[in-house]
């Protein structure tokens, strides 16, 4: 399993957003530790799902690009005219 490391400054921002969410949406205050634990849990649970979807999306884009390359290569092919023997 891939372990996602969130840079410290990003994690601090996300923890702050979680705290703000709880105040705004639930009228609850949670501390940094609780918000950080919630973030870690959500990343652990959602990370693989989001990662796998990103891989599927990337695969689709790469396959579309490969199809275009295939079309371009076919367009570059020279027609073959067989020489007639007398």
PDB file of N, CA and C in Angstrom:
ATOM      1  N   UNK A   1       0.842  -1.188   0.000  1.00  0.00           N
ATOM      2  CA  UNK A   1       0.000   0.000   0.000  1.00  0.00           C
ATOM      3  C   UNK A   1       0.880   1.241   0.000  1.00  0.00           C
ATOM      4  N   UNK A   2       0.494   2.216  -0.768  1.00  0.00           N
ATOM      5  CA  UNK A   2       1.228   3.467  -0.863  1.00  0.00           C
ATOM      6  C   UNK A   2       0.875   4.347   0.335  1.00  0.00           C
ATOM      7  N   UNK A   3       1.903   4.857   0.991  1.00  0.00           N
ATOM      8  CA  UNK A   3       1.685   5.750   2.124  1.00  0.00           C
ATOM      9  C   UNK A   3       1.805   7.177   1.618  1.00  0.00           C
ATOM     10  N   UNK A   4       0.745   7.934   1.811  1.00  0.00           N
ATOM     11  CA  UNK A   4       0.721   9.318   1.347  1.00  0.00           C
ATOM     12  C   UNK A   4       1.300  10.223   2.415  1.00  0.00           C
ATOM     13  N   UNK A   5       2.340  10.946   2.056  1.00  0.00           N
ATOM     14  CA  UNK A   5       2.941  11.913   2.970  1.00  0.00           C
ATOM     15  C   UNK A   5       2.508  13.305   2.535  1.00  0.00           C
ATOM     16  N   UNK A   6       1.775  13.966   3.395  1.00  0.00           N
ATOM     17  CA  UNK A   6       1.321  15.322   3.108  1.00  0.00           C
ATOM     18  C   UNK A   6       2.352  16.282   3.701  1.00  0.00           C
ATOM     19  N   UNK A   7       2.850  17.217   2.899  1.00  0.00           N
ATOM     20  CA  UNK A   7       3.801  18.192   3.440  1.00  0.00           C
ATOM     21  C   UNK A   7       3.216  18.914   4.663  1.00  0.00           C
ATOM     22  N   UNK A   8       4.080  19.209   5.604  1.00  0.00           N
ATOM     23  CA  UNK A   8       3.667  19.798   6.878  1.00  0.00           C
ATOM     24  C   UNK A   8       2.789  21.035   6.708  1.00  0.00           C
ATOM     25  N   UNK A   9       3.173  21.916   5.794  1.00  0.00           N
ATOM     26  CA  UNK A   9       2.397  23.160   5.616  1.00  0.00           C
ATOM     27  C   UNK A   9       1.012  22.871   5.038  1.00  0.00           C
ATOM     28  N   UNK A  10       0.928  21.878   4.165  1.00  0.00           N
ATOM     29  CA  UNK A  10      -0.382  21.499   3.609  1.00  0.00           C
ATOM     30  C   UNK A  10      -1.243  20.844   4.685  1.00  0.00           C
ATOM     31  N   UNK A  11      -0.621  19.994   5.491  1.00  0.00           N
ATOM     32  CA  UNK A  11      -1.368  19.326   6.548  1.00  0.00           C
ATOM     33  C   UNK A  11      -1.905  20.347   7.545  1.00  0.00           C
ATOM     34  N   UNK A  12      -1.089  21.332   7.887  1.00  0.00           N
ATOM     35  CA  UNK A  12      -1.536  22.377   8.819  1.00  0.00           C
ATOM     36  C   UNK A  12      -2.725  23.131   8.247  1.00  0.00           C
ATOM     37  N   UNK A  13      -2.685  23.439   6.961  1.00  0.00           N
ATOM     38  CA  UNK A  13      -3.790  24.130   6.310  1.00  0.00           C
ATOM     39  C   UNK A  13      -5.049  23.264   6.322  1.00  0.00           C
ATOM     40  N   UNK A  14      -4.907  21.983   6.024  1.00  0.00           N
ATOM     41  CA  UNK A  14      -6.053  21.073   6.020  1.00  0.00           C
ATOM     42  C   UNK A  14      -6.638  20.900   7.419  1.00  0.00           C
ATOM     43  N   UNK A  15      -5.779  20.803   8.424  1.00  0.00           N
ATOM     44  CA  UNK A  15      -6.250  20.700   9.808  1.00  0.00           C
ATOM     45  C   UNK A  15      -7.069  21.935  10.155  1.00  0.00           C
ATOM     46  N   UNK A  16      -6.573  23.096   9.746  1.00  0.00           N
ATOM     47  CA  UNK A  16      -7.302  24.346   9.997  1.00  0.00           C
ATOM     48  C   UNK A  16      -8.654  24.343   9.297  1.00  0.00           C
ATOM     49  N   UNK A  17      -8.691  23.831   8.074  1.00  0.00           N
ATOM     50  CA  UNK A  17      -9.956  23.770   7.330  1.00  0.00           C
ATOM     51  C   UNK A  17     -10.944  22.806   7.993  1.00  0.00           C
ATOM     52  N   UNK A  18     -10.438  21.699   8.516  1.00  0.00           N
ATOM     53  CA  UNK A  18     -11.303  20.751   9.228  1.00  0.00           C
ATOM     54  C   UNK A  18     -11.878  21.414  10.473  1.00  0.00           C
ATOM     55  N   UNK A  19     -11.032  22.113  11.202  1.00  0.00           N
ATOM     56  CA  UNK A  19     -11.512  22.806  12.396  1.00  0.00           C
ATOM     57  C   UNK A  19     -12.579  23.835  12.024  1.00  0.00           C
ATOM     58  N   UNK A  20     -12.338  24.579  10.959  1.00  0.00           N
ATOM     59  CA  UNK A  20     -13.315  25.582  10.504  1.00  0.00           C
ATOM     60  C   UNK A  20     -14.618  24.923  10.086  1.00  0.00           C
ATOM     61  N   UNK A  21     -14.520  23.787   9.418  1.00  0.00           N
ATOM     62  CA  UNK A  21     -15.709  23.054   8.998  1.00  0.00           C
ATOM     63  C   UNK A  21     -16.545  22.659  10.213  1.00  0.00           C
ATOM     64  N   UNK A  22     -15.900  22.114  11.213  1.00  0.00           N
ATOM     65  CA  UNK A  22     -16.639  21.687  12.401  1.00  0.00           C
ATOM     66  C   UNK A  22     -17.336  22.861  13.074  1.00  0.00           C
ATOM     67  N   UNK A  23     -16.678  24.007  13.112  1.00  0.00           N
ATOM     68  CA  UNK A  23     -17.297  25.183  13.730  1.00  0.00           C
ATOM     69  C   UNK A  23     -18.476  25.655  12.888  1.00  0.00           C
ATOM     70  N   UNK A  24     -18.278  25.756  11.586  1.00  0.00           N
ATOM     71  CA  UNK A  24     -19.310  26.284  10.693  1.00  0.00           C
ATOM     72  C   UNK A  24     -20.492  25.336  10.525  1.00  0.00           C
ATOM     73  N   UNK A  25     -20.215  24.074  10.268  1.00  0.00           N
ATOM     74  CA  UNK A  25     -21.263  23.124   9.918  1.00  0.00           C
ATOM     75  C   UNK A  25     -21.876  22.401  11.112  1.00  0.00           C
ATOM     76  N   UNK A  26     -21.104  22.241  12.169  1.00  0.00           N
ATOM     77  CA  UNK A  26     -21.587  21.447  13.292  1.00  0.00           C
ATOM     78  C   UNK A  26     -21.638  22.223  14.601  1.00  0.00           C
ATOM     79  N   UNK A  27     -21.206  23.472  14.559  1.00  0.00           N
ATOM     80  CA  UNK A  27     -21.138  24.314  15.760  1.00  0.00           C
ATOM     81  C   UNK A  27     -20.358  23.618  16.881  1.00  0.00           C
ATOM     82  N   UNK A  28     -19.300  22.933  16.490  1.00  0.00           N
ATOM     83  CA  UNK A  28     -18.421  22.237  17.432  1.00  0.00           C
ATOM     84  C   UNK A  28     -17.001  22.733  17.235  1.00  0.00           C
ATOM     85  N   UNK A  29     -16.263  22.770  18.301  1.00  0.00           N
ATOM     86  CA  UNK A  29     -14.847  23.081  18.191  1.00  0.00           C
ATOM     87  C   UNK A  29     -14.063  21.809  18.456  1.00  0.00           C
ATOM     88  N   UNK A  30     -13.124  21.518  17.568  1.00  0.00           N
ATOM     89  CA  UNK A  30     -12.235  20.385  17.804  1.00  0.00           C
ATOM     90  C   UNK A  30     -10.806  20.900  17.782  1.00  0.00           C
ATOM     91  N   UNK A  31      -9.967  20.249  18.516  1.00  0.00           N
ATOM     92  CA  UNK A  31      -8.572  20.672  18.598  1.00  0.00           C
ATOM     93  C   UNK A  31      -7.759  20.224  17.400  1.00  0.00           C
ATOM     94  N   UNK A  32      -6.520  20.688  17.380  1.00  0.00           N
ATOM     95  CA  UNK A  32      -5.611  20.332  16.292  1.00  0.00           C
ATOM     96  C   UNK A  32      -5.370  18.832  16.231  1.00  0.00           C
ATOM     97  N   UNK A  33      -5.197  18.211  17.390  1.00  0.00           N
ATOM     98  CA  UNK A  33      -4.921  16.780  17.425  1.00  0.00           C
ATOM     99  C   UNK A  33      -6.090  15.984  16.856  1.00  0.00           C
ATOM    100  N   UNK A  34      -7.309  16.327  17.266  1.00  0.00           N
ATOM    101  CA  UNK A  34      -8.493  15.626  16.760  1.00  0.00           C
ATOM    102  C   UNK A  34      -8.655  15.852  15.260  1.00  0.00           C
ATOM    103  N   UNK A  35      -8.444  17.071  14.809  1.00  0.00           N
ATOM    104  CA  UNK A  35      -8.554  17.369  13.378  1.00  0.00           C
ATOM    105  C   UNK A  35      -7.464  16.635  12.603  1.00  0.00           C
ATOM    106  N   UNK A  36      -6.265  16.584  13.152  1.00  0.00           N
ATOM    107  CA  UNK A  36      -5.170  15.863  12.498  1.00  0.00           C
ATOM    108  C   UNK A  36      -5.444  14.371  12.420  1.00  0.00           C
ATOM    109  N   UNK A  37      -6.000  13.817  13.501  1.00  0.00           N
ATOM    110  CA  UNK A  37      -6.349  12.391  13.492  1.00  0.00           C
ATOM    111  C   UNK A  37      -7.448  12.094  12.476  1.00  0.00           C
ATOM    112  N   UNK A  38      -8.426  12.989  12.384  1.00  0.00           N
ATOM    113  CA  UNK A  38      -9.493  12.824  11.397  1.00  0.00           C
ATOM    114  C   UNK A  38      -8.913  12.881   9.986  1.00  0.00           C
ATOM    115  N   UNK A  39      -8.018  13.827   9.758  1.00  0.00           N
ATOM    116  CA  UNK A  39      -7.379  13.940   8.446  1.00  0.00           C
ATOM    117  C   UNK A  39      -6.613  12.658   8.114  1.00  0.00           C
ATOM    118  N   UNK A  40      -5.828  12.167   9.060  1.00  0.00           N
ATOM    119  CA  UNK A  40      -5.069  10.933   8.830  1.00  0.00           C
ATOM    120  C   UNK A  40      -5.996   9.765   8.507  1.00  0.00           C
ATOM    121  N   UNK A  41      -7.083   9.656   9.240  1.00  0.00           N
ATOM    122  CA  UNK A  41      -8.053   8.585   9.003  1.00  0.00           C
ATOM    123  C   UNK A  41      -8.662   8.707   7.609  1.00  0.00           C
ATOM    124  N   UNK A  42      -9.066   9.912   7.240  1.00  0.00           N
ATOM    125  CA  UNK A  42      -9.700  10.117   5.934  1.00  0.00           C
ATOM    126  C   UNK A  42      -8.714   9.835   4.798  1.00  0.00           C
ATOM    127  N   UNK A  43      -7.481  10.257   4.962  1.00  0.00           N
ATOM    128  CA  UNK A  43      -6.473   9.985   3.932  1.00  0.00           C
ATOM    129  C   UNK A  43      -6.255   8.481   3.804  1.00  0.00           C
ATOM    130  N   UNK A  44      -6.184   7.803   4.945  1.00  0.00           N
ATOM    131  CA  UNK A  44      -5.980   6.356   4.930  1.00  0.00           C
ATOM    132  C   UNK A  44      -7.145   5.636   4.251  1.00  0.00           C
ATOM    133  N   UNK A  45      -8.357   6.097   4.499  1.00  0.00           N
ATOM    134  CA  UNK A  45      -9.542   5.443   3.945  1.00  0.00           C
ATOM    135  C   UNK A  45      -9.813   5.851   2.495  1.00  0.00           C
ATOM    136  N   UNK A  46      -9.679   7.131   2.199  1.00  0.00           N
ATOM    137  CA  UNK A  46     -10.015   7.639   0.868  1.00  0.00           C
ATOM    138  C   UNK A  46      -8.842   7.617  -0.102  1.00  0.00           C
ATOM    139  N   UNK A  47      -7.628   7.664   0.433  1.00  0.00           N
ATOM    140  CA  UNK A  47      -6.437   7.731  -0.411  1.00  0.00           C
ATOM    141  C   UNK A  47      -6.391   6.683  -1.495  1.00  0.00           C
ATOM    142  N   UNK A  48      -6.542   5.397  -1.146  1.00  0.00           N
ATOM    143  CA  UNK A  48      -6.474   4.359  -2.186  1.00  0.00           C
ATOM    144  C   UNK A  48      -7.584   4.482  -3.230  1.00  0.00           C
ATOM    145  N   UNK A  49      -8.765   4.898  -2.821  1.00  0.00           N
ATOM    146  CA  UNK A  49      -9.878   5.054  -3.762  1.00  0.00           C
ATOM    147  C   UNK A  49      -9.568   6.173  -4.753  1.00  0.00           C
ATOM    148  N   UNK A  50      -9.111   7.298  -4.232  1.00  0.00           N
ATOM    149  CA  UNK A  50      -8.781   8.442  -5.092  1.00  0.00           C
ATOM    150  C   UNK A  50      -7.590   8.116  -5.978  1.00  0.00           C
ATOM    151  N   UNK A  51      -6.591   7.455  -5.417  1.00  0.00           N
ATOM    152  CA  UNK A  51      -5.404   7.066  -6.176  1.00  0.00           C
ATOM    153  C   UNK A  51      -5.780   6.148  -7.339  1.00  0.00           C
ATOM    154  N   UNK A  52      -6.582   5.131  -7.049  1.00  0.00           N
ATOM    155  CA  UNK A  52      -6.986   4.191  -8.098  1.00  0.00           C
ATOM    156  C   UNK A  52      -7.787   4.881  -9.200  1.00  0.00           C
ATOM    157  N   UNK A  53      -8.642   5.829  -8.825  1.00  0.00           N
ATOM    158  CA  UNK A  53      -9.393   6.567  -9.837  1.00  0.00           C
ATOM    159  C   UNK A  53      -8.448   7.415 -10.685  1.00  0.00           C
ATOM    160  N   UNK A  54      -7.457   8.010 -10.045  1.00  0.00           N
ATOM    161  CA  UNK A  54      -6.475   8.805 -10.792  1.00  0.00           C
ATOM    162  C   UNK A  54      -5.709   7.930 -11.782  1.00  0.00           C
ATOM    163  N   UNK A  55      -5.370   6.715 -11.362  1.00  0.00           N
ATOM    164  CA  UNK A  55      -4.688   5.786 -12.266  1.00  0.00           C
ATOM    165  C   UNK A  55      -5.588   5.429 -13.453  1.00  0.00           C
ATOM    166  N   UNK A  56      -6.863   5.167 -13.177  1.00  0.00           N
ATOM    167  CA  UNK A  56      -7.797   4.851 -14.279  1.00  0.00           C
ATOM    168  C   UNK A  56      -7.916   6.042 -15.231  1.00  0.00           C
ATOM    169  N   UNK A  57      -8.013   7.246 -14.682  1.00  0.00           N
ATOM    170  CA  UNK A  57      -8.110   8.442 -15.520  1.00  0.00           C
ATOM    171  C   UNK A  57      -6.847   8.618 -16.358  1.00  0.00           C
ATOM    172  N   UNK A  58      -5.679   8.418 -15.741  1.00  0.00           N
ATOM    173  CA  UNK A  58      -4.412   8.550 -16.462  1.00  0.00           C
ATOM    174  C   UNK A  58      -4.320   7.503 -17.564  1.00  0.00           C
ATOM    175  N   UNK A  59      -4.767   6.279 -17.266  1.00  0.00           N
ATOM    176  CA  UNK A  59      -4.741   5.212 -18.269  1.00  0.00           C
ATOM    177  C   UNK A  59      -5.595   5.589 -19.475  1.00  0.00           C
ATOM    178  N   UNK A  60      -6.763   6.168 -19.220  1.00  0.00           N
ATOM    179  CA  UNK A  60      -7.654   6.586 -20.304  1.00  0.00           C
ATOM    180  C   UNK A  60      -6.980   7.638 -21.178  1.00  0.00           C
ATOM    181  N   UNK A  61      -6.354   8.616 -20.547  1.00  0.00           N
ATOM    182  CA  UNK A  61      -5.678   9.680 -21.303  1.00  0.00           C
ATOM    183  C   UNK A  61      -4.527   9.107 -22.119  1.00  0.00           C
ATOM    184  N   UNK A  62      -3.738   8.229 -21.516  1.00  0.00           N
ATOM    185  CA  UNK A  62      -2.604   7.631 -22.231  1.00  0.00           C
ATOM    186  C   UNK A  62      -3.096   6.798 -23.413  1.00  0.00           C
ATOM    187  N   UNK A  63      -4.155   6.043 -23.226  1.00  0.00           N
ATOM    188  CA  UNK A  63      -4.688   5.228 -24.325  1.00  0.00           C
ATOM    189  C   UNK A  63      -5.199   6.116 -25.465  1.00  0.00           C
ATOM    190  N   UNK A  64      -5.843   7.227 -25.114  1.00  0.00           N
ATOM    191  CA  UNK A  64      -6.300   8.158 -26.154  1.00  0.00           C
ATOM    192  C   UNK A  64      -5.115   8.739 -26.913  1.00  0.00           C
ATOM    193  N   UNK A  65      -4.071   9.073 -26.194  1.00  0.00           N
ATOM    194  CA  UNK A  65      -2.871   9.608 -26.844  1.00  0.00           C
ATOM    195  C   UNK A  65      -2.228   8.544 -27.743  1.00  0.00           C
ATOM    196  N   UNK A  66      -2.206   7.309 -27.282  1.00  0.00           N
ATOM    197  CA  UNK A  66      -1.630   6.228 -28.087  1.00  0.00           C
ATOM    198  C   UNK A  66      -2.427   6.016 -29.370  1.00  0.00           C
ATOM    199  N   UNK A  67      -3.741   6.140 -29.279  1.00  0.00           N
ATOM    200  CA  UNK A  67      -4.566   6.017 -30.482  1.00  0.00           C
ATOM    201  C   UNK A  67      -4.226   7.119 -31.477  1.00  0.00           C
ATOM    202  N   UNK A  68      -4.024   8.331 -30.964  1.00  0.00           N
ATOM    203  CA  UNK A  68      -3.655   9.443 -31.854  1.00  0.00           C
ATOM    204  C   UNK A  68      -2.296   9.197 -32.491  1.00  0.00           C
ATOM    205  N   UNK A  69      -1.355   8.694 -31.720  1.00  0.00           N
ATOM    206  CA  UNK A  69      -0.027   8.393 -32.255  1.00  0.00           C
ATOM    207  C   UNK A  69      -0.151   7.320 -33.333  1.00  0.00           C
ATOM    208  N   UNK A  70      -0.958   6.300 -33.063  1.00  0.00           N
ATOM    209  CA  UNK A  70      -1.167   5.230 -34.037  1.00  0.00           C
ATOM    210  C   UNK A  70      -1.729   5.798 -35.345  1.00  0.00           C
ATOM    211  N   UNK A  71      -2.698   6.701 -35.242  1.00  0.00           N
ATOM    212  CA  UNK A  71      -3.274   7.325 -36.435  1.00  0.00           C
ATOM    213  C   UNK A  71      -2.224   8.149 -37.172  1.00  0.00           C
ATOM    214  N   UNK A  72      -1.412   8.885 -36.433  1.00  0.00           N
ATOM    215  CA  UNK A  72      -0.363   9.696 -37.055  1.00  0.00           C
ATOM    216  C   UNK A  72       0.666   8.814 -37.767  1.00  0.00           C
ATOM    217  N   UNK A  73       1.014   7.703 -37.148  1.00  0.00           N
ATOM    218  CA  UNK A  73       1.970   6.792 -37.774  1.00  0.00           C
ATOM    219  C   UNK A  73       1.402   6.179 -39.046  1.00  0.00           C
ATOM    220  N   UNK A  74       0.138   5.807 -39.019  1.00  0.00           N
ATOM    221  CA  UNK A  74      -0.489   5.277 -40.241  1.00  0.00           C
ATOM    222  C   UNK A  74      -0.511   6.338 -41.339  1.00  0.00           C
ATOM    223  N   UNK A  75      -0.743   7.577 -40.970  1.00  0.00           N
ATOM    224  CA  UNK A  75      -0.777   8.656 -41.963  1.00  0.00           C
ATOM    225  C   UNK A  75       0.591   8.870 -42.602  1.00  0.00           C
ATOM    226  N   UNK A  76       1.653   8.540 -41.890  1.00  0.00           N
ATOM    227  CA  UNK A  76       3.006   8.723 -42.414  1.00  0.00           C
ATOM    228  C   UNK A  76       3.460   7.591 -43.330  1.00  0.00           C
ATOM    229  N   UNK A  77       2.754   6.478 -43.326  1.00  0.00           N
ATOM    230  CA  UNK A  77       3.153   5.350 -44.148  1.00  0.00           C
ATOM    231  C   UNK A  77       3.056   5.707 -45.630  1.00  0.00           C
ATOM    232  N   UNK A  78       3.999   5.208 -46.374  1.00  0.00           N
ATOM    233  CA  UNK A  78       4.034   5.429 -47.813  1.00  0.00           C
ATOM    234  C   UNK A  78       3.289   4.293 -48.507  1.00  0.00           C
ATOM    235  N   UNK A  79       2.512   4.629 -49.516  1.00  0.00           N
ATOM    236  CA  UNK A  79       1.825   3.556 -50.241  1.00  0.00           C
ATOM    237  C   UNK A  79       2.853   2.698 -50.997  1.00  0.00           C
ATOM    238  N   UNK A  80       2.580   1.438 -51.053  1.00  0.00           N
ATOM    239  CA  UNK A  80       3.483   0.520 -51.769  1.00  0.00           C
ATOM    240  C   UNK A  80       2.889   0.210 -53.123  1.00  0.00           C
ATOM    241  N   UNK A  81       3.704   0.398 -54.136  1.00  0.00           N
ATOM    242  CA  UNK A  81       3.293   0.016 -55.478  1.00  0.00           C
ATOM    243  C   UNK A  81       4.181  -1.146 -55.895  1.00  0.00           C
ATOM    244  N   UNK A  82       3.560  -2.248 -56.151  1.00  0.00           N
ATOM    245  CA  UNK A  82       4.329  -3.418 -56.556  1.00  0.00           C
ATOM    246  C   UNK A  82       4.771  -3.252 -58.009  1.00  0.00           C
ATOM    247  N   UNK A  83       6.002  -3.519 -58.232  1.00  0.00           N
ATOM    248  CA  UNK A  83       6.548  -3.408 -59.583  1.00  0.00           C
ATOM    249  C   UNK A  83       6.044  -4.573 -60.425  1.00  0.00           C
ATOM    250  N   UNK A  84       5.607  -4.251 -61.613  1.00  0.00           N
ATOM    251  CA  UNK A  84       5.146  -5.288 -62.528  1.00  0.00           C
ATOM    252  C   UNK A  84       6.359  -5.805 -63.314  1.00  0.00           C
ATOM    253  N   UNK A  85       6.422  -7.112 -63.423  1.00  0.00           N
ATOM    254  CA  UNK A  85       7.490  -7.706 -64.200  1.00  0.00           C
ATOM    255  C   UNK A  85       6.997  -7.893 -65.635  1.00  0.00           C
ATOM    256  N   UNK A  86       7.865  -7.644 -66.541  1.00  0.00           N
ATOM    257  CA  UNK A  86       7.508  -7.804 -67.950  1.00  0.00           C
ATOM    258  C   UNK A  86       7.641  -9.205 -68.413  1.00  0.00           C
TER     259      UNK A  86
END
